[in-house]
Every structure is written in structure tokens, then in C-alpha cells.
């Protein structure tokens, strides 16, 4: 095991699952399992189609708060992810990663 310590027993229990692979929280629709109950809660809208996070500027709705947050950046100039090669800016970290791959490809 590792040397990590926690102030709450529940956090230790959750962390222990990263070592054991135990996922006691199971979706009753698709049987997918999760290590934390909060992960199951986030997963449920996949089946219900529920999209409780609405952006009042454009009216779009999202199943996850994070997805709403990323979408909000499309309406602003906020682009917190910067390429360290050409300094191009991105509003999603995965878009930056995709872009950085273009710098690694060999040119003919």
C-alpha cells in the first residue's frame, strides 16, 4: 500500500479502493460500477436524459456542471489553456492536447 493519510475515515476507505479496484456502487440500468457514490450520481443522467444545468445566456442545458462550465467559455474570451510552443489559447484542456500533437509530428 501507499503512505497517504487522511483526516476522515471515509476518505481513507475511498482511497483504498484505488488500490483494490473495488467498485461497490452499481448502476441499476447498465450495471456499470463506481468506486464512489458521487460518480454514480454523475453517471445517472446518461440514462434519464436529465440536463439540470442550464446556461441562461443561450438556453443550452447540460447533464454535468463541468460541461456547462466548459460551454460558458465559448461565449467569452476566456481560454485558460495555452500552448507552450506557439502560445495559441484553448478553452478545453483536451483541445490543447490535440493541438500540441501537431507540433510533435514530423514535417516532410
PDB file of N, CA and C in Angstrom:
ATOM      1  N   UNK A   1       0.831  -1.185   0.000  1.00  0.00           N
ATOM      2  CA  UNK A   1       0.000   0.000   0.000  1.00  0.00           C
ATOM      3  C   UNK A   1       0.882   1.258   0.000  1.00  0.00           C
ATOM      4  N   UNK A   2       0.254   2.408   0.036  1.00  0.00           N
ATOM      5  CA  UNK A   2       0.993   3.663  -0.024  1.00  0.00           C
ATOM      6  C   UNK A   2       1.052   4.325   1.356  1.00  0.00           C
ATOM      7  N   UNK A   3       1.696   5.455   1.399  1.00  0.00           N
ATOM      8  CA  UNK A   3       1.911   6.170   2.663  1.00  0.00           C
ATOM      9  C   UNK A   3       0.915   7.309   2.899  1.00  0.00           C
ATOM     10  N   UNK A   4      -0.118   7.416   2.081  1.00  0.00           N
ATOM     11  CA  UNK A   4      -1.066   8.525   2.232  1.00  0.00           C
ATOM     12  C   UNK A   4      -1.825   8.417   3.547  1.00  0.00           C
ATOM     13  N   UNK A   5      -2.189   9.585   4.085  1.00  0.00           N
ATOM     14  CA  UNK A   5      -3.003   9.615   5.297  1.00  0.00           C
ATOM     15  C   UNK A   5      -4.174  10.565   5.085  1.00  0.00           C
ATOM     16  N   UNK A   6      -5.219  10.346   5.859  1.00  0.00           N
ATOM     17  CA  UNK A   6      -6.451  11.118   5.686  1.00  0.00           C
ATOM     18  C   UNK A   6      -7.011  11.516   7.039  1.00  0.00           C
ATOM     19  N   UNK A   7      -7.708  12.632   7.089  1.00  0.00           N
ATOM     20  CA  UNK A   7      -8.297  13.107   8.331  1.00  0.00           C
ATOM     21  C   UNK A   7      -9.654  12.464   8.590  1.00  0.00           C
ATOM     22  N   UNK A   8     -10.277  11.926   7.533  1.00  0.00           N
ATOM     23  CA  UNK A   8     -11.583  11.281   7.696  1.00  0.00           C
ATOM     24  C   UNK A   8     -11.497   9.836   7.218  1.00  0.00           C
ATOM     25  N   UNK A   9     -12.078   8.949   7.987  1.00  0.00           N
ATOM     26  CA  UNK A   9     -12.040   7.519   7.651  1.00  0.00           C
ATOM     27  C   UNK A   9     -12.681   7.240   6.289  1.00  0.00           C
ATOM     28  N   UNK A  10     -13.737   7.963   5.961  1.00  0.00           N
ATOM     29  CA  UNK A  10     -14.412   7.742   4.677  1.00  0.00           C
ATOM     30  C   UNK A  10     -13.482   8.040   3.500  1.00  0.00           C
ATOM     31  N   UNK A  11     -12.608   9.032   3.655  1.00  0.00           N
ATOM     32  CA  UNK A  11     -11.652   9.352   2.588  1.00  0.00           C
ATOM     33  C   UNK A  11     -10.609   8.245   2.452  1.00  0.00           C
ATOM     34  N   UNK A  12     -10.214   7.666   3.569  1.00  0.00           N
ATOM     35  CA  UNK A  12      -9.298   6.524   3.529  1.00  0.00           C
ATOM     36  C   UNK A  12      -9.956   5.345   2.820  1.00  0.00           C
ATOM     37  N   UNK A  13     -11.207   5.090   3.150  1.00  0.00           N
ATOM     38  CA  UNK A  13     -11.940   3.987   2.521  1.00  0.00           C
ATOM     39  C   UNK A  13     -12.022   4.178   1.011  1.00  0.00           C
ATOM     40  N   UNK A  14     -12.366   5.400   0.594  1.00  0.00           N
ATOM     41  CA  UNK A  14     -12.445   5.691  -0.844  1.00  0.00           C
ATOM     42  C   UNK A  14     -11.085   5.527  -1.504  1.00  0.00           C
ATOM     43  N   UNK A  15     -10.038   6.015  -0.863  1.00  0.00           N
ATOM     44  CA  UNK A  15      -8.702   5.893  -1.431  1.00  0.00           C
ATOM     45  C   UNK A  15      -8.270   4.430  -1.517  1.00  0.00           C
ATOM     46  N   UNK A  16      -8.602   3.660  -0.525  1.00  0.00           N
ATOM     47  CA  UNK A  16      -8.233   2.243  -0.505  1.00  0.00           C
ATOM     48  C   UNK A  16      -8.758   1.527  -1.752  1.00  0.00           C
ATOM     49  N   UNK A  17      -9.909   1.959  -2.236  1.00  0.00           N
ATOM     50  CA  UNK A  17     -10.500   1.351  -3.435  1.00  0.00           C
ATOM     51  C   UNK A  17      -9.637   1.560  -4.679  1.00  0.00           C
ATOM     52  N   UNK A  18      -8.804   2.607  -4.694  1.00  0.00           N
ATOM     53  CA  UNK A  18      -7.916   2.802  -5.845  1.00  0.00           C
ATOM     54  C   UNK A  18      -6.877   1.684  -5.899  1.00  0.00           C
ATOM     55  N   UNK A  19      -6.577   1.101  -4.751  1.00  0.00           N
ATOM     56  CA  UNK A  19      -5.613   0.003  -4.703  1.00  0.00           C
ATOM     57  C   UNK A  19      -6.270  -1.358  -4.941  1.00  0.00           C
ATOM     58  N   UNK A  20      -7.501  -1.514  -4.466  1.00  0.00           N
ATOM     59  CA  UNK A  20      -8.177  -2.810  -4.563  1.00  0.00           C
ATOM     60  C   UNK A  20      -9.001  -2.953  -5.834  1.00  0.00           C
ATOM     61  N   UNK A  21      -9.393  -1.830  -6.429  1.00  0.00           N
ATOM     62  CA  UNK A  21     -10.244  -1.879  -7.615  1.00  0.00           C
ATOM     63  C   UNK A  21     -11.707  -2.113  -7.280  1.00  0.00           C
ATOM     64  N   UNK A  22     -12.056  -2.120  -6.005  1.00  0.00           N
ATOM     65  CA  UNK A  22     -13.435  -2.357  -5.577  1.00  0.00           C
ATOM     66  C   UNK A  22     -14.318  -1.185  -5.997  1.00  0.00           C
ATOM     67  N   UNK A  23     -15.472  -1.525  -6.601  1.00  0.00           N
ATOM     68  CA  UNK A  23     -16.435  -0.519  -7.056  1.00  0.00           C
ATOM     69  C   UNK A  23     -17.828  -0.941  -6.587  1.00  0.00           C
ATOM     70  N   UNK A  24     -18.184  -0.579  -5.355  1.00  0.00           N
ATOM     71  CA  UNK A  24     -19.432  -1.074  -4.774  1.00  0.00           C
ATOM     72  C   UNK A  24     -20.715  -0.371  -5.230  1.00  0.00           C
ATOM     73  N   UNK A  25     -20.616   0.729  -5.951  1.00  0.00           N
ATOM     74  CA  UNK A  25     -21.800   1.472  -6.360  1.00  0.00           C
ATOM     75  C   UNK A  25     -22.123   1.139  -7.811  1.00  0.00           C
ATOM     76  N   UNK A  26     -23.233   0.392  -8.004  1.00  0.00           N
ATOM     77  CA  UNK A  26     -23.557  -0.136  -9.326  1.00  0.00           C
ATOM     78  C   UNK A  26     -24.814   0.524  -9.885  1.00  0.00           C
ATOM     79  N   UNK A  27     -24.740   0.893 -11.159  1.00  0.00           N
ATOM     80  CA  UNK A  27     -25.886   1.463 -11.863  1.00  0.00           C
ATOM     81  C   UNK A  27     -26.909   0.355 -12.092  1.00  0.00           C
ATOM     82  N   UNK A  28     -28.162   0.627 -11.749  1.00  0.00           N
ATOM     83  CA  UNK A  28     -29.191  -0.401 -11.915  1.00  0.00           C
ATOM     84  C   UNK A  28     -29.711  -0.511 -13.345  1.00  0.00           C
ATOM     85  N   UNK A  29     -29.249   0.359 -14.220  1.00  0.00           N
ATOM     86  CA  UNK A  29     -29.679   0.316 -15.615  1.00  0.00           C
ATOM     87  C   UNK A  29     -28.671  -0.433 -16.487  1.00  0.00           C
ATOM     88  N   UNK A  30     -27.391  -0.063 -16.378  1.00  0.00           N
ATOM     89  CA  UNK A  30     -26.382  -0.664 -17.265  1.00  0.00           C
ATOM     90  C   UNK A  30     -25.357  -1.526 -16.531  1.00  0.00           C
ATOM     91  N   UNK A  31     -25.488  -1.653 -15.229  1.00  0.00           N
ATOM     92  CA  UNK A  31     -24.575  -2.468 -14.418  1.00  0.00           C
ATOM     93  C   UNK A  31     -23.147  -1.948 -14.360  1.00  0.00           C
ATOM     94  N   UNK A  32     -22.921  -0.722 -14.786  1.00  0.00           N
ATOM     95  CA  UNK A  32     -21.601  -0.126 -14.638  1.00  0.00           C
ATOM     96  C   UNK A  32     -21.379   0.159 -13.159  1.00  0.00           C
ATOM     97  N   UNK A  33     -20.149  -0.035 -12.679  1.00  0.00           N
ATOM     98  CA  UNK A  33     -19.847   0.142 -11.262  1.00  0.00           C
ATOM     99  C   UNK A  33     -18.885   1.296 -11.034  1.00  0.00           C
ATOM    100  N   UNK A  34     -18.972   1.881  -9.824  1.00  0.00           N
ATOM    101  CA  UNK A  34     -18.176   3.042  -9.479  1.00  0.00           C
ATOM    102  C   UNK A  34     -17.601   2.902  -8.075  1.00  0.00           C
ATOM    103  N   UNK A  35     -16.446   3.496  -7.877  1.00  0.00           N
ATOM    104  CA  UNK A  35     -15.777   3.447  -6.581  1.00  0.00           C
ATOM    105  C   UNK A  35     -16.399   4.418  -5.583  1.00  0.00           C
ATOM    106  N   UNK A  36     -17.024   5.473  -6.069  1.00  0.00           N
ATOM    107  CA  UNK A  36     -17.631   6.481  -5.203  1.00  0.00           C
ATOM    108  C   UNK A  36     -19.095   6.668  -5.566  1.00  0.00           C
ATOM    109  N   UNK A  37     -19.915   6.908  -4.565  1.00  0.00           N
ATOM    110  CA  UNK A  37     -21.346   7.111  -4.814  1.00  0.00           C
ATOM    111  C   UNK A  37     -21.569   8.363  -5.666  1.00  0.00           C
ATOM    112  N   UNK A  38     -20.714   9.378  -5.486  1.00  0.00           N
ATOM    113  CA  UNK A  38     -20.871  10.606  -6.265  1.00  0.00           C
ATOM    114  C   UNK A  38     -20.652  10.356  -7.756  1.00  0.00           C
ATOM    115  N   UNK A  39     -19.792   9.392  -8.100  1.00  0.00           N
ATOM    116  CA  UNK A  39     -19.577   9.058  -9.508  1.00  0.00           C
ATOM    117  C   UNK A  39     -20.843   8.444 -10.105  1.00  0.00           C
ATOM    118  N   UNK A  40     -21.537   7.637  -9.316  1.00  0.00           N
ATOM    119  CA  UNK A  40     -22.793   7.042  -9.771  1.00  0.00           C
ATOM    120  C   UNK A  40     -23.843   8.132  -9.993  1.00  0.00           C
ATOM    121  N   UNK A  41     -23.914   9.102  -9.094  1.00  0.00           N
ATOM    122  CA  UNK A  41     -24.866  10.209  -9.225  1.00  0.00           C
ATOM    123  C   UNK A  41     -24.607  10.983 -10.523  1.00  0.00           C
ATOM    124  N   UNK A  42     -23.337  11.231 -10.826  1.00  0.00           N
ATOM    125  CA  UNK A  42     -22.967  11.941 -12.051  1.00  0.00           C
ATOM    126  C   UNK A  42     -23.303  11.102 -13.287  1.00  0.00           C
ATOM    127  N   UNK A  43     -23.224   9.777 -13.173  1.00  0.00           N
ATOM    128  CA  UNK A  43     -23.479   8.872 -14.292  1.00  0.00           C
ATOM    129  C   UNK A  43     -24.967   8.773 -14.646  1.00  0.00           C
ATOM    130  N   UNK A  44     -25.852   8.846 -13.685  1.00  0.00           N
ATOM    131  CA  UNK A  44     -27.290   8.591 -13.894  1.00  0.00           C
ATOM    132  C   UNK A  44     -27.918   9.368 -15.044  1.00  0.00           C
ATOM    133  N   UNK A  45     -27.612  10.655 -15.238  1.00  0.00           N
ATOM    134  CA  UNK A  45     -28.252  11.377 -16.346  1.00  0.00           C
ATOM    135  C   UNK A  45     -27.995  10.774 -17.724  1.00  0.00           C
ATOM    136  N   UNK A  46     -26.999   9.925 -17.851  1.00  0.00           N
ATOM    137  CA  UNK A  46     -26.744   9.239 -19.120  1.00  0.00           C
ATOM    138  C   UNK A  46     -28.000   8.464 -19.532  1.00  0.00           C
ATOM    139  N   UNK A  47     -28.702   7.902 -18.562  1.00  0.00           N
ATOM    140  CA  UNK A  47     -29.888   7.087 -18.839  1.00  0.00           C
ATOM    141  C   UNK A  47     -31.187   7.881 -18.795  1.00  0.00           C
ATOM    142  N   UNK A  48     -31.269   8.876 -17.954  1.00  0.00           N
ATOM    143  CA  UNK A  48     -32.522   9.619 -17.786  1.00  0.00           C
ATOM    144  C   UNK A  48     -32.682  10.742 -18.790  1.00  0.00           C
ATOM    145  N   UNK A  49     -31.559  11.198 -19.360  1.00  0.00           N
ATOM    146  CA  UNK A  49     -31.613  12.330 -20.273  1.00  0.00           C
ATOM    147  C   UNK A  49     -31.750  13.658 -19.541  1.00  0.00           C
ATOM    148  N   UNK A  50     -31.703  13.603 -18.217  1.00  0.00           N
ATOM    149  CA  UNK A  50     -31.829  14.810 -17.406  1.00  0.00           C
ATOM    150  C   UNK A  50     -30.644  15.744 -17.649  1.00  0.00           C
ATOM    151  N   UNK A  51     -30.946  17.020 -17.824  1.00  0.00           N
ATOM    152  CA  UNK A  51     -29.920  18.042 -18.025  1.00  0.00           C
ATOM    153  C   UNK A  51     -30.245  19.243 -17.128  1.00  0.00           C
ATOM    154  N   UNK A  52     -29.892  19.131 -15.848  1.00  0.00           N
ATOM    155  CA  UNK A  52     -30.297  20.162 -14.898  1.00  0.00           C
ATOM    156  C   UNK A  52     -29.489  21.453 -14.933  1.00  0.00           C
ATOM    157  N   UNK A  53     -28.363  21.454 -15.645  1.00  0.00           N
ATOM    158  CA  UNK A  53     -27.507  22.648 -15.654  1.00  0.00           C
ATOM    159  C   UNK A  53     -27.740  23.431 -16.941  1.00  0.00           C
ATOM    160  N   UNK A  54     -28.464  24.535 -16.807  1.00  0.00           N
ATOM    161  CA  UNK A  54     -28.813  25.353 -17.971  1.00  0.00           C
ATOM    162  C   UNK A  54     -28.049  26.667 -17.950  1.00  0.00           C
ATOM    163  N   UNK A  55     -27.581  27.062 -19.134  1.00  0.00           N
ATOM    164  CA  UNK A  55     -26.882  28.342 -19.270  1.00  0.00           C
ATOM    165  C   UNK A  55     -27.891  29.365 -19.739  1.00  0.00           C
ATOM    166  N   UNK A  56     -28.126  30.379 -18.924  1.00  0.00           N
ATOM    167  CA  UNK A  56     -29.170  31.355 -19.220  1.00  0.00           C
ATOM    168  C   UNK A  56     -28.857  32.263 -20.396  1.00  0.00           C
ATOM    169  N   UNK A  57     -27.614  32.339 -20.828  1.00  0.00           N
ATOM    170  CA  UNK A  57     -27.257  33.195 -21.961  1.00  0.00           C
ATOM    171  C   UNK A  57     -27.802  32.633 -23.268  1.00  0.00           C
ATOM    172  N   UNK A  58     -27.620  31.318 -23.485  1.00  0.00           N
ATOM    173  CA  UNK A  58     -28.052  30.732 -24.756  1.00  0.00           C
ATOM    174  C   UNK A  58     -29.154  29.689 -24.593  1.00  0.00           C
ATOM    175  N   UNK A  59     -29.456  29.321 -23.356  1.00  0.00           N
ATOM    176  CA  UNK A  59     -30.529  28.357 -23.118  1.00  0.00           C
ATOM    177  C   UNK A  59     -30.126  26.903 -23.223  1.00  0.00           C
ATOM    178  N   UNK A  60     -28.873  26.602 -23.552  1.00  0.00           N
ATOM    179  CA  UNK A  60     -28.429  25.215 -23.651  1.00  0.00           C
ATOM    180  C   UNK A  60     -28.383  24.580 -22.264  1.00  0.00           C
ATOM    181  N   UNK A  61     -28.699  23.282 -22.204  1.00  0.00           N
ATOM    182  CA  UNK A  61     -28.682  22.544 -20.949  1.00  0.00           C
ATOM    183  C   UNK A  61     -27.686  21.405 -21.014  1.00  0.00           C
ATOM    184  N   UNK A  62     -27.178  21.036 -19.842  1.00  0.00           N
ATOM    185  CA  UNK A  62     -26.135  20.020 -19.753  1.00  0.00           C
ATOM    186  C   UNK A  62     -26.393  19.082 -18.585  1.00  0.00           C
ATOM    187  N   UNK A  63     -25.957  17.851 -18.731  1.00  0.00           N
ATOM    188  CA  UNK A  63     -26.123  16.847 -17.681  1.00  0.00           C
ATOM    189  C   UNK A  63     -25.113  17.041 -16.561  1.00  0.00           C
ATOM    190  N   UNK A  64     -23.962  17.609 -16.892  1.00  0.00           N
ATOM    191  CA  UNK A  64     -22.898  17.791 -15.899  1.00  0.00           C
ATOM    192  C   UNK A  64     -22.528  19.265 -15.761  1.00  0.00           C
ATOM    193  N   UNK A  65     -22.253  19.661 -14.528  1.00  0.00           N
ATOM    194  CA  UNK A  65     -21.877  21.050 -14.250  1.00  0.00           C
ATOM    195  C   UNK A  65     -20.577  21.416 -14.968  1.00  0.00           C
ATOM    196  N   UNK A  66     -19.636  20.479 -15.018  1.00  0.00           N
ATOM    197  CA  UNK A  66     -18.356  20.746 -15.692  1.00  0.00           C
ATOM    198  C   UNK A  66     -18.573  21.060 -17.173  1.00  0.00           C
ATOM    199  N   UNK A  67     -19.462  20.320 -17.817  1.00  0.00           N
ATOM    200  CA  UNK A  67     -19.731  20.550 -19.240  1.00  0.00           C
ATOM    201  C   UNK A  67     -20.330  21.942 -19.452  1.00  0.00           C
ATOM    202  N   UNK A  68     -21.199  22.367 -18.543  1.00  0.00           N
ATOM    203  CA  UNK A  68     -21.731  23.733 -18.604  1.00  0.00           C
ATOM    204  C   UNK A  68     -20.605  24.741 -18.474  1.00  0.00           C
ATOM    205  N   UNK A  69     -19.704  24.517 -17.533  1.00  0.00           N
ATOM    206  CA  UNK A  69     -18.588  25.443 -17.307  1.00  0.00           C
ATOM    207  C   UNK A  69     -17.721  25.574 -18.564  1.00  0.00           C
ATOM    208  N   UNK A  70     -17.436  24.450 -19.206  1.00  0.00           N
ATOM    209  CA  UNK A  70     -16.645  24.476 -20.440  1.00  0.00           C
ATOM    210  C   UNK A  70     -17.413  25.213 -21.530  1.00  0.00           C
ATOM    211  N   UNK A  71     -18.721  24.970 -21.636  1.00  0.00           N
ATOM    212  CA  UNK A  71     -19.527  25.645 -22.653  1.00  0.00           C
ATOM    213  C   UNK A  71     -19.549  27.157 -22.439  1.00  0.00           C
ATOM    214  N   UNK A  72     -19.608  27.586 -21.195  1.00  0.00           N
ATOM    215  CA  UNK A  72     -19.640  29.022 -20.906  1.00  0.00           C
ATOM    216  C   UNK A  72     -18.431  29.735 -21.495  1.00  0.00           C
ATOM    217  N   UNK A  73     -17.320  29.043 -21.553  1.00  0.00           N
ATOM    218  CA  UNK A  73     -16.108  29.650 -22.127  1.00  0.00           C
ATOM    219  C   UNK A  73     -16.259  29.953 -23.610  1.00  0.00           C
ATOM    220  N   UNK A  74     -17.154  29.250 -24.298  1.00  0.00           N
ATOM    221  CA  UNK A  74     -17.347  29.519 -25.725  1.00  0.00           C
ATOM    222  C   UNK A  74     -18.007  30.877 -25.939  1.00  0.00           C
ATOM    223  N   UNK A  75     -18.662  31.397 -24.913  1.00  0.00           N
ATOM    224  CA  UNK A  75     -19.322  32.699 -25.002  1.00  0.00           C
ATOM    225  C   UNK A  75     -18.432  33.843 -24.519  1.00  0.00           C
ATOM    226  N   UNK A  76     -17.282  33.523 -24.007  1.00  0.00           N
ATOM    227  CA  UNK A  76     -16.363  34.543 -23.504  1.00  0.00           C
ATOM    228  C   UNK A  76     -15.017  34.401 -24.198  1.00  0.00           C
ATOM    229  N   UNK A  77     -14.147  35.294 -23.906  1.00  0.00           N
ATOM    230  CA  UNK A  77     -12.789  35.211 -24.458  1.00  0.00           C
ATOM    231  C   UNK A  77     -11.873  34.389 -23.554  1.00  0.00           C
ATOM    232  N   UNK A  78     -12.422  33.836 -22.477  1.00  0.00           N
ATOM    233  CA  UNK A  78     -11.600  33.098 -21.524  1.00  0.00           C
ATOM    234  C   UNK A  78     -11.113  31.782 -22.130  1.00  0.00           C
ATOM    235  N   UNK A  79      -9.827  31.686 -22.280  1.00  0.00           N
ATOM    236  CA  UNK A  79      -9.191  30.483 -22.797  1.00  0.00           C
ATOM    237  C   UNK A  79      -7.977  30.202 -21.909  1.00  0.00           C
ATOM    238  N   UNK A  80      -8.190  29.422 -20.847  1.00  0.00           N
ATOM    239  CA  UNK A  80      -7.152  29.259 -19.825  1.00  0.00           C
ATOM    240  C   UNK A  80      -6.012  28.304 -20.184  1.00  0.00           C
ATOM    241  N   UNK A  81      -6.116  27.596 -21.290  1.00  0.00           N
ATOM    242  CA  UNK A  81      -5.086  26.624 -21.647  1.00  0.00           C
ATOM    243  C   UNK A  81      -4.249  27.143 -22.811  1.00  0.00           C
ATOM    244  N   UNK A  82      -2.939  27.270 -22.592  1.00  0.00           N
ATOM    245  CA  UNK A  82      -2.045  27.888 -23.563  1.00  0.00           C
ATOM    246  C   UNK A  82      -0.988  26.891 -24.045  1.00  0.00           C
ATOM    247  N   UNK A  83      -0.749  26.887 -25.348  1.00  0.00           N
ATOM    248  CA  UNK A  83       0.294  26.043 -25.934  1.00  0.00           C
ATOM    249  C   UNK A  83       1.657  26.630 -25.569  1.00  0.00           C
ATOM    250  N   UNK A  84       2.543  25.797 -25.068  1.00  0.00           N
ATOM    251  CA  UNK A  84       3.873  26.289 -24.675  1.00  0.00           C
ATOM    252  C   UNK A  84       4.822  26.433 -25.863  1.00  0.00           C
ATOM    253  N   UNK A  85       4.373  26.033 -27.063  1.00  0.00           N
ATOM    254  CA  UNK A  85       5.201  26.168 -28.262  1.00  0.00           C
ATOM    255  C   UNK A  85       4.834  27.425 -29.042  1.00  0.00           C
ATOM    256  N   UNK A  86       3.557  27.596 -29.342  1.00  0.00           N
ATOM    257  CA  UNK A  86       3.137  28.731 -30.176  1.00  0.00           C
ATOM    258  C   UNK A  86       2.232  29.717 -29.442  1.00  0.00           C
ATOM    259  N   UNK A  87       1.896  29.437 -28.195  1.00  0.00           N
ATOM    260  CA  UNK A  87       1.087  30.295 -27.341  1.00  0.00           C
ATOM    261  C   UNK A  87      -0.375  30.436 -27.781  1.00  0.00           C
ATOM    262  N   UNK A  88      -0.844  29.541 -28.670  1.00  0.00           N
ATOM    263  CA  UNK A  88      -2.255  29.541 -29.042  1.00  0.00           C
ATOM    264  C   UNK A  88      -3.070  29.162 -27.806  1.00  0.00           C
ATOM    265  N   UNK A  89      -4.266  29.750 -27.661  1.00  0.00           N
ATOM    266  CA  UNK A  89      -5.088  29.548 -26.476  1.00  0.00           C
ATOM    267  C   UNK A  89      -6.291  28.659 -26.767  1.00  0.00           C
ATOM    268  N   UNK A  90      -6.698  27.891 -25.751  1.00  0.00           N
ATOM    269  CA  UNK A  90      -7.816  26.956 -25.876  1.00  0.00           C
ATOM    270  C   UNK A  90      -8.690  27.030 -24.638  1.00  0.00           C
ATOM    271  N   UNK A  91      -9.980  26.729 -24.802  1.00  0.00           N
ATOM    272  CA  UNK A  91     -10.871  26.759 -23.654  1.00  0.00           C
ATOM    273  C   UNK A  91     -11.087  25.383 -23.050  1.00  0.00           C
ATOM    274  N   UNK A  92     -10.543  24.326 -23.678  1.00  0.00           N
ATOM    275  CA  UNK A  92     -10.611  22.975 -23.133  1.00  0.00           C
ATOM    276  C   UNK A  92      -9.215  22.375 -23.143  1.00  0.00           C
ATOM    277  N   UNK A  93      -8.875  21.665 -22.067  1.00  0.00           N
ATOM    278  CA  UNK A  93      -7.540  21.075 -21.979  1.00  0.00           C
ATOM    279  C   UNK A  93      -7.328  19.997 -23.033  1.00  0.00           C
ATOM    280  N   UNK A  94      -8.377  19.232 -23.368  1.00  0.00           N
ATOM    281  CA  UNK A  94      -8.203  18.187 -24.373  1.00  0.00           C
ATOM    282  C   UNK A  94      -7.958  18.768 -25.761  1.00  0.00           C
ATOM    283  N   UNK A  95      -8.495  19.954 -26.039  1.00  0.00           N
ATOM    284  CA  UNK A  95      -8.226  20.611 -27.326  1.00  0.00           C
ATOM    285  C   UNK A  95      -6.764  21.054 -27.401  1.00  0.00           C
ATOM    286  N   UNK A  96      -6.230  21.523 -26.278  1.00  0.00           N
ATOM    287  CA  UNK A  96      -4.813  21.888 -26.215  1.00  0.00           C
ATOM    288  C   UNK A  96      -3.944  20.661 -26.467  1.00  0.00           C
ATOM    289  N   UNK A  97      -4.278  19.554 -25.849  1.00  0.00           N
ATOM    290  CA  UNK A  97      -3.501  18.314 -26.023  1.00  0.00           C
ATOM    291  C   UNK A  97      -3.517  17.885 -27.485  1.00  0.00           C
ATOM    292  N   UNK A  98      -4.690  17.925 -28.112  1.00  0.00           N
ATOM    293  CA  UNK A  98      -4.784  17.599 -29.545  1.00  0.00           C
ATOM    294  C   UNK A  98      -3.902  18.528 -30.366  1.00  0.00           C
ATOM    295  N   UNK A  99      -3.951  19.821 -30.060  1.00  0.00           N
ATOM    296  CA  UNK A  99      -3.152  20.805 -30.778  1.00  0.00           C
ATOM    297  C   UNK A  99      -1.662  20.539 -30.606  1.00  0.00           C
ATOM    298  N   UNK A 100      -1.232  20.239 -29.386  1.00  0.00           N
ATOM    299  CA  UNK A 100       0.191  20.034 -29.127  1.00  0.00           C
ATOM    300  C   UNK A 100       0.757  18.861 -29.916  1.00  0.00           C
ATOM    301  N   UNK A 101      -0.088  17.919 -30.249  1.00  0.00           N
ATOM    302  CA  UNK A 101       0.346  16.784 -31.076  1.00  0.00           C
ATOM    303  C   UNK A 101       0.785  17.242 -32.471  1.00  0.00           C
ATOM    304  N   UNK A 102       0.208  18.349 -32.948  1.00  0.00           N
ATOM    305  CA  UNK A 102       0.600  18.850 -34.265  1.00  0.00           C
ATOM    306  C   UNK A 102       2.037  19.343 -34.258  1.00  0.00           C
ATOM    307  N   UNK A 103       2.520  19.793 -33.125  1.00  0.00           N
ATOM    308  CA  UNK A 103       3.911  20.241 -33.019  1.00  0.00           C
ATOM    309  C   UNK A 103       4.889  19.058 -32.969  1.00  0.00           C
ATOM    310  N   UNK A 104       4.401  17.919 -32.555  1.00  0.00           N
ATOM    311  CA  UNK A 104       5.269  16.746 -32.413  1.00  0.00           C
ATOM    312  C   UNK A 104       5.409  15.946 -33.711  1.00  0.00           C
ATOM    313  N   UNK A 105       4.469  16.149 -34.629  1.00  0.00           N
ATOM    314  CA  UNK A 105       4.518  15.402 -35.894  1.00  0.00           C
ATOM    315  C   UNK A 105       5.678  15.900 -36.745  1.00  0.00           C
ATOM    316  N   UNK A 106       6.334  14.965 -37.398  1.00  0.00           N
ATOM    317  CA  UNK A 106       7.438  15.333 -38.291  1.00  0.00           C
ATOM    318  C   UNK A 106       6.903  15.959 -39.550  1.00  0.00           C
ATOM    319  N   UNK A 107       7.522  17.001 -39.983  1.00  0.00           N
ATOM    320  CA  UNK A 107       7.136  17.661 -41.220  1.00  0.00           C
ATOM    321  C   UNK A 107       8.013  17.116 -42.363  1.00  0.00           C
ATOM    322  N   UNK A 108       7.445  16.952 -43.565  1.00  0.00           N
ATOM    323  CA  UNK A 108       8.243  16.420 -44.688  1.00  0.00           C
ATOM    324  C   UNK A 108       9.309  17.397 -45.154  1.00  0.00           C
TER     325      UNK A 108
END
